[in-house]
Amino acid sequence: MDAQRTILRDLLDSAQGFANCTAPPFAHECDRAVAMTVDRVREVHAVWAAILSRSALLQAVGALVVSVMGKVVADVTDMADISEAESKRLRGFCDEIAALSELFVQRGEEGEVVSDVTPYVVPNWFRFQYLGQIMESSLADIVYMWTESELRLEYEASEIVDLIEALFAESEHRRKAIGEIRKSGGGS
């Protein structure tokens, strides 16, 4: 398990924190890092499926996906400046990784979803989903998710403020949004 986590972390490290993820040659490295990471998780799932019980498989692969999602969230929240093009690309990376949820879905005879245990075996699932949403949201949408949705259950106010500062240029609207988040989030 630790060896697989290390391999996945190394694959994602080649994205260099996703900085400049739209500028050559960094864009190719980011694309490659995400694709190889997703492929690796799928390969491990296929190998372990022959060895582990369904329950153990879900827990083990879920732990690997937690590591992947945690690393991506950490790298993106550490970015000081995210352009519009980068935010769109980061959303795409989030979508590619989120597609791993199909590994945690059980289907019936006609292909219908019988059960989806993704949020149970990947505890940071919703945090990761919100990151993808934030990447394509307006300031008003982010404030709404913070005040009226469950974003505050997944992030600290300071993390959302940092993302807003990275995504949006300095303006009165940004100052008001940050003020509202700090006010309703208890500081930060």
C-alpha atoms as a PDB file:
ATOM      1  CA  MET A   1       0.000   0.000   0.000  1.00  0.00           C
ATOM      2  CA  ASP A   2       2.761   2.446   0.948  1.00  0.00           C
ATOM      3  CA  ALA A   3       4.666   1.598  -2.217  1.00  0.00           C
ATOM      4  CA  GLN A   4       1.604   2.377  -4.339  1.00  0.00           C
ATOM      5  CA  ARG A   5       1.057   5.678  -2.515  1.00  0.00           C
ATOM      6  CA  THR A   6       4.673   6.615  -3.167  1.00  0.00           C
ATOM      7  CA  ILE A   7       4.353   5.763  -6.866  1.00  0.00           C
ATOM      8  CA  LEU A   8       1.169   7.844  -7.159  1.00  0.00           C
ATOM      9  CA  ARG A   9       2.751  10.772  -5.302  1.00  0.00           C
ATOM     10  CA  ASP A  10       5.805  10.598  -7.578  1.00  0.00           C
ATOM     11  CA  LEU A  11       3.584  10.582 -10.668  1.00  0.00           C
ATOM     12  CA  LEU A  12       1.727  13.664  -9.429  1.00  0.00           C
ATOM     13  CA  ASP A  13       4.973  15.369  -8.407  1.00  0.00           C
ATOM     14  CA  SER A  14       5.904  15.444 -12.095  1.00  0.00           C
ATOM     15  CA  ALA A  15       3.085  17.993 -12.520  1.00  0.00           C
ATOM     16  CA  GLN A  16       5.206  20.360 -10.399  1.00  0.00           C
ATOM     17  CA  GLY A  17       2.267  21.582  -8.326  1.00  0.00           C
ATOM     18  CA  PHE A  18       0.220  22.246 -11.482  1.00  0.00           C
ATOM     19  CA  ALA A  19       1.902  25.631 -11.890  1.00  0.00           C
ATOM     20  CA  ASN A  20       1.793  26.780 -15.517  1.00  0.00           C
ATOM     21  CA  CYS A  21      -0.504  23.859 -16.397  1.00  0.00           C
ATOM     22  CA  THR A  22      -1.480  25.569 -19.651  1.00  0.00           C
ATOM     23  CA  ALA A  23       1.991  26.626 -20.835  1.00  0.00           C
ATOM     24  CA  PRO A  24       4.247  24.305 -22.834  1.00  0.00           C
ATOM     25  CA  PRO A  25       6.099  22.151 -21.815  1.00  0.00           C
ATOM     26  CA  PHE A  26       4.452  22.172 -18.386  1.00  0.00           C
ATOM     27  CA  ALA A  27       0.989  21.534 -19.843  1.00  0.00           C
ATOM     28  CA  HIS A  28       2.133  18.231 -21.323  1.00  0.00           C
ATOM     29  CA  GLU A  29       3.750  17.191 -18.045  1.00  0.00           C
ATOM     30  CA  CYS A  30       0.571  17.980 -16.104  1.00  0.00           C
ATOM     31  CA  ASP A  31      -1.613  16.098 -18.605  1.00  0.00           C
ATOM     32  CA  ARG A  32       0.753  13.150 -18.487  1.00  0.00           C
ATOM     33  CA  ALA A  33       0.971  13.146 -14.681  1.00  0.00           C
ATOM     34  CA  VAL A  34      -2.797  13.056 -14.242  1.00  0.00           C
ATOM     35  CA  ALA A  35      -3.340  10.447 -16.956  1.00  0.00           C
ATOM     36  CA  MET A  36      -0.608   8.195 -15.582  1.00  0.00           C
ATOM     37  CA  THR A  37      -1.944   8.560 -12.041  1.00  0.00           C
ATOM     38  CA  VAL A  38      -5.477   7.618 -13.082  1.00  0.00           C
ATOM     39  CA  ASP A  39      -4.154   4.712 -15.149  1.00  0.00           C
ATOM     40  CA  ARG A  40      -2.038   3.499 -12.227  1.00  0.00           C
ATOM     41  CA  VAL A  41      -5.015   3.488  -9.846  1.00  0.00           C
ATOM     42  CA  ARG A  42      -7.052   1.531 -12.407  1.00  0.00           C
ATOM     43  CA  GLU A  43      -4.196  -0.971 -12.901  1.00  0.00           C
ATOM     44  CA  VAL A  44      -3.807  -1.498  -9.165  1.00  0.00           C
ATOM     45  CA  HIS A  45      -7.577  -1.979  -8.853  1.00  0.00           C
ATOM     46  CA  ALA A  46      -7.511  -4.634 -11.584  1.00  0.00           C
ATOM     47  CA  VAL A  47      -4.618  -6.539  -9.980  1.00  0.00           C
ATOM     48  CA  TRP A  48      -5.975  -6.319  -6.444  1.00  0.00           C
ATOM     49  CA  ALA A  49      -9.497  -7.317  -7.569  1.00  0.00           C
ATOM     50  CA  ALA A  50      -8.182 -10.826  -8.198  1.00  0.00           C
ATOM     51  CA  ILE A  51      -6.678 -11.048  -4.714  1.00  0.00           C
ATOM     52  CA  LEU A  52      -8.837  -9.080  -2.268  1.00  0.00           C
ATOM     53  CA  SER A  53     -12.449  -9.394  -1.185  1.00  0.00           C
ATOM     54  CA  ARG A  54     -14.741  -6.672  -2.558  1.00  0.00           C
ATOM     55  CA  SER A  55     -14.786  -4.879   0.808  1.00  0.00           C
ATOM     56  CA  ALA A  56     -10.996  -4.963   1.219  1.00  0.00           C
ATOM     57  CA  LEU A  57     -10.548  -3.877  -2.404  1.00  0.00           C
ATOM     58  CA  LEU A  58     -12.819  -0.873  -1.948  1.00  0.00           C
ATOM     59  CA  GLN A  59     -11.013   0.175   1.233  1.00  0.00           C
ATOM     60  CA  ALA A  60      -7.536  -0.274  -0.245  1.00  0.00           C
ATOM     61  CA  VAL A  61      -8.209   1.481  -3.541  1.00  0.00           C
ATOM     62  CA  GLY A  62     -10.192   4.135  -1.685  1.00  0.00           C
ATOM     63  CA  ALA A  63      -7.110   4.868   0.442  1.00  0.00           C
ATOM     64  CA  LEU A  64      -5.043   5.336  -2.721  1.00  0.00           C
ATOM     65  CA  VAL A  65      -7.640   7.698  -4.209  1.00  0.00           C
ATOM     66  CA  VAL A  66      -7.686   9.655  -0.922  1.00  0.00           C
ATOM     67  CA  SER A  67      -3.925  10.152  -1.312  1.00  0.00           C
ATOM     68  CA  VAL A  68      -4.268  11.273  -4.932  1.00  0.00           C
ATOM     69  CA  MET A  69      -7.096  13.708  -4.202  1.00  0.00           C
ATOM     70  CA  GLY A  70      -5.363  15.043  -1.100  1.00  0.00           C
ATOM     71  CA  LYS A  71      -2.207  15.775  -3.084  1.00  0.00           C
ATOM     72  CA  VAL A  72      -4.111  17.549  -5.862  1.00  0.00           C
ATOM     73  CA  VAL A  73      -6.092  19.649  -3.367  1.00  0.00           C
ATOM     74  CA  ALA A  74      -2.895  20.577  -1.516  1.00  0.00           C
ATOM     75  CA  ASP A  75      -1.072  21.499  -4.726  1.00  0.00           C
ATOM     76  CA  VAL A  76      -3.938  23.616  -6.073  1.00  0.00           C
ATOM     77  CA  THR A  77      -4.632  25.402  -2.784  1.00  0.00           C
ATOM     78  CA  ASP A  78      -0.915  26.258  -2.598  1.00  0.00           C
ATOM     79  CA  MET A  79      -1.053  28.079  -5.952  1.00  0.00           C
ATOM     80  CA  ALA A  80      -0.736  31.836  -5.488  1.00  0.00           C
ATOM     81  CA  ASP A  81      -2.165  32.798  -8.881  1.00  0.00           C
ATOM     82  CA  ILE A  82      -4.536  30.816 -11.101  1.00  0.00           C
ATOM     83  CA  SER A  83      -5.446  32.224 -14.505  1.00  0.00           C
ATOM     84  CA  GLU A  84      -8.816  31.576 -16.110  1.00  0.00           C
ATOM     85  CA  ALA A  85      -7.243  29.120 -18.556  1.00  0.00           C
ATOM     86  CA  GLU A  86      -5.481  27.338 -15.700  1.00  0.00           C
ATOM     87  CA  SER A  87      -8.692  27.116 -13.674  1.00  0.00           C
ATOM     88  CA  LYS A  88     -10.447  25.473 -16.624  1.00  0.00           C
ATOM     89  CA  ARG A  89      -7.583  23.023 -17.050  1.00  0.00           C
ATOM     90  CA  LEU A  90      -7.511  22.279 -13.326  1.00  0.00           C
ATOM     91  CA  ARG A  91     -11.241  21.579 -13.482  1.00  0.00           C
ATOM     92  CA  GLY A  92     -10.513  19.122 -16.284  1.00  0.00           C
ATOM     93  CA  PHE A  93      -7.888  17.387 -14.148  1.00  0.00           C
ATOM     94  CA  CYS A  94     -10.384  17.165 -11.293  1.00  0.00           C
ATOM     95  CA  ASP A  95     -12.924  15.587 -13.639  1.00  0.00           C
ATOM     96  CA  GLU A  96     -10.373  13.040 -14.892  1.00  0.00           C
ATOM     97  CA  ILE A  97      -9.496  12.002 -11.356  1.00  0.00           C
ATOM     98  CA  ALA A  98     -13.133  12.045 -10.206  1.00  0.00           C
ATOM     99  CA  ALA A  99     -13.901   9.472 -12.908  1.00  0.00           C
ATOM    100  CA  LEU A 100     -12.176   6.975 -10.604  1.00  0.00           C
ATOM    101  CA  SER A 101     -15.470   6.915  -8.699  1.00  0.00           C
ATOM    102  CA  GLU A 102     -16.622   4.257 -11.159  1.00  0.00           C
ATOM    103  CA  LEU A 103     -14.312   1.853  -9.297  1.00  0.00           C
ATOM    104  CA  PHE A 104     -16.584   2.179  -6.263  1.00  0.00           C
ATOM    105  CA  VAL A 105     -19.885   1.673  -8.051  1.00  0.00           C
ATOM    106  CA  GLN A 106     -21.668  -1.638  -8.192  1.00  0.00           C
ATOM    107  CA  ARG A 107     -23.925  -2.134 -11.196  1.00  0.00           C
ATOM    108  CA  GLY A 108     -26.922  -4.375 -11.726  1.00  0.00           C
ATOM    109  CA  GLU A 109     -27.560  -6.748 -14.586  1.00  0.00           C
ATOM    110  CA  GLU A 110     -28.798  -3.969 -16.865  1.00  0.00           C
ATOM    111  CA  GLY A 111     -25.979  -1.567 -16.043  1.00  0.00           C
ATOM    112  CA  GLU A 112     -27.916   0.497 -13.520  1.00  0.00           C
ATOM    113  CA  VAL A 113     -26.121   1.722 -10.405  1.00  0.00           C
ATOM    114  CA  VAL A 114     -27.017  -0.526  -7.493  1.00  0.00           C
ATOM    115  CA  SER A 115     -24.697   1.113  -4.973  1.00  0.00           C
ATOM    116  CA  ASP A 116     -22.085   3.839  -4.937  1.00  0.00           C
ATOM    117  CA  VAL A 117     -19.795   3.816  -1.928  1.00  0.00           C
ATOM    118  CA  THR A 118     -17.382   6.487  -3.156  1.00  0.00           C
ATOM    119  CA  PRO A 119     -18.006   8.999  -0.314  1.00  0.00           C
ATOM    120  CA  TYR A 120     -17.591   6.222   2.265  1.00  0.00           C
ATOM    121  CA  VAL A 121     -14.282   4.831   1.026  1.00  0.00           C
ATOM    122  CA  VAL A 122     -12.925   8.207  -0.142  1.00  0.00           C
ATOM    123  CA  PRO A 123     -13.590  10.536   2.814  1.00  0.00           C
ATOM    124  CA  ASN A 124     -12.181  13.597   1.005  1.00  0.00           C
ATOM    125  CA  TRP A 125     -14.490  13.009  -2.004  1.00  0.00           C
ATOM    126  CA  PHE A 126     -16.716  16.037  -1.389  1.00  0.00           C
ATOM    127  CA  ARG A 127     -13.726  18.288  -0.633  1.00  0.00           C
ATOM    128  CA  PHE A 128     -12.259  17.293  -3.989  1.00  0.00           C
ATOM    129  CA  GLN A 129     -15.575  17.791  -5.803  1.00  0.00           C
ATOM    130  CA  TYR A 130     -15.868  21.286  -4.353  1.00  0.00           C
ATOM    131  CA  LEU A 131     -12.354  22.131  -5.565  1.00  0.00           C
ATOM    132  CA  GLY A 132     -13.429  21.317  -9.113  1.00  0.00           C
ATOM    133  CA  GLN A 133     -16.567  23.430  -8.729  1.00  0.00           C
ATOM    134  CA  ILE A 134     -14.611  26.372  -7.312  1.00  0.00           C
ATOM    135  CA  MET A 135     -12.311  26.307 -10.343  1.00  0.00           C
ATOM    136  CA  GLU A 136     -15.217  27.228 -12.630  1.00  0.00           C
ATOM    137  CA  SER A 137     -17.342  29.324 -10.269  1.00  0.00           C
ATOM    138  CA  SER A 138     -17.935  33.028 -10.060  1.00  0.00           C
ATOM    139  CA  LEU A 139     -17.265  34.952  -6.855  1.00  0.00           C
ATOM    140  CA  ALA A 140     -20.996  34.994  -6.154  1.00  0.00           C
ATOM    141  CA  ASP A 141     -21.187  31.220  -6.630  1.00  0.00           C
ATOM    142  CA  ILE A 142     -18.311  30.627  -4.206  1.00  0.00           C
ATOM    143  CA  VAL A 143     -19.860  32.886  -1.579  1.00  0.00           C
ATOM    144  CA  TYR A 144     -23.187  31.111  -2.056  1.00  0.00           C
ATOM    145  CA  MET A 145     -21.532  27.680  -1.690  1.00  0.00           C
ATOM    146  CA  TRP A 146     -19.877  28.949   1.490  1.00  0.00           C
ATOM    147  CA  THR A 147     -22.912  30.567   3.094  1.00  0.00           C
ATOM    148  CA  GLU A 148     -25.770  28.397   1.824  1.00  0.00           C
ATOM    149  CA  SER A 149     -24.175  25.060   0.956  1.00  0.00           C
ATOM    150  CA  GLU A 150     -21.803  22.648   2.662  1.00  0.00           C
ATOM    151  CA  LEU A 151     -18.525  24.094   1.398  1.00  0.00           C
ATOM    152  CA  ARG A 152     -17.698  25.215   4.943  1.00  0.00           C
ATOM    153  CA  LEU A 153     -17.837  21.582   6.081  1.00  0.00           C
ATOM    154  CA  GLU A 154     -15.002  20.716   3.715  1.00  0.00           C
ATOM    155  CA  TYR A 155     -12.782  23.822   3.819  1.00  0.00           C
ATOM    156  CA  GLU A 156     -11.577  26.383   6.319  1.00  0.00           C
ATOM    157  CA  ALA A 157     -12.421  30.015   5.605  1.00  0.00           C
ATOM    158  CA  SER A 158      -8.710  30.783   5.125  1.00  0.00           C
ATOM    159  CA  GLU A 159      -8.437  28.132   2.395  1.00  0.00           C
ATOM    160  CA  ILE A 160     -11.390  29.598   0.490  1.00  0.00           C
ATOM    161  CA  VAL A 161      -9.975  33.097   0.888  1.00  0.00           C
ATOM    162  CA  ASP A 162      -6.638  31.887  -0.519  1.00  0.00           C
ATOM    163  CA  LEU A 163      -8.390  30.276  -3.497  1.00  0.00           C
ATOM    164  CA  ILE A 164     -10.397  33.439  -4.170  1.00  0.00           C
ATOM    165  CA  GLU A 165      -7.226  35.524  -4.039  1.00  0.00           C
ATOM    166  CA  ALA A 166      -5.534  33.125  -6.478  1.00  0.00           C
ATOM    167  CA  LEU A 167      -8.495  32.980  -8.889  1.00  0.00           C
ATOM    168  CA  PHE A 168      -9.741  36.579  -8.953  1.00  0.00           C
ATOM    169  CA  ALA A 169      -8.001  39.903  -9.499  1.00  0.00           C
ATOM    170  CA  GLU A 170      -8.074  42.500  -6.754  1.00  0.00           C
ATOM    171  CA  SER A 171     -11.394  44.355  -6.840  1.00  0.00           C
ATOM    172  CA  GLU A 172     -14.137  45.668  -4.623  1.00  0.00           C
ATOM    173  CA  HIS A 173     -16.197  42.545  -5.391  1.00  0.00           C
ATOM    174  CA  ARG A 174     -13.344  40.300  -4.283  1.00  0.00           C
ATOM    175  CA  ARG A 175     -12.856  42.300  -1.066  1.00  0.00           C
ATOM    176  CA  LYS A 176     -16.573  42.018  -0.278  1.00  0.00           C
ATOM    177  CA  ALA A 177     -16.627  38.275  -0.986  1.00  0.00           C
ATOM    178  CA  ILE A 178     -13.584  37.696   1.218  1.00  0.00           C
ATOM    179  CA  GLY A 179     -15.126  39.837   3.951  1.00  0.00           C
ATOM    180  CA  GLU A 180     -18.350  37.842   3.840  1.00  0.00           C
ATOM    181  CA  ILE A 181     -16.518  34.526   4.014  1.00  0.00           C
ATOM    182  CA  ARG A 182     -14.343  35.682   6.906  1.00  0.00           C
ATOM    183  CA  LYS A 183     -17.364  37.070   8.731  1.00  0.00           C
ATOM    184  CA  SER A 184     -19.432  33.901   8.371  1.00  0.00           C
ATOM    185  CA  GLY A 185     -16.441  31.602   8.787  1.00  0.00           C
ATOM    186  CA  GLY A 186     -15.298  32.950  12.123  1.00  0.00           C
ATOM    187  CA  GLY A 187     -12.240  34.842  10.978  1.00  0.00           C
ATOM    188  CA  SER A 188      -9.202  33.352   9.243  1.00  0.00           C
END
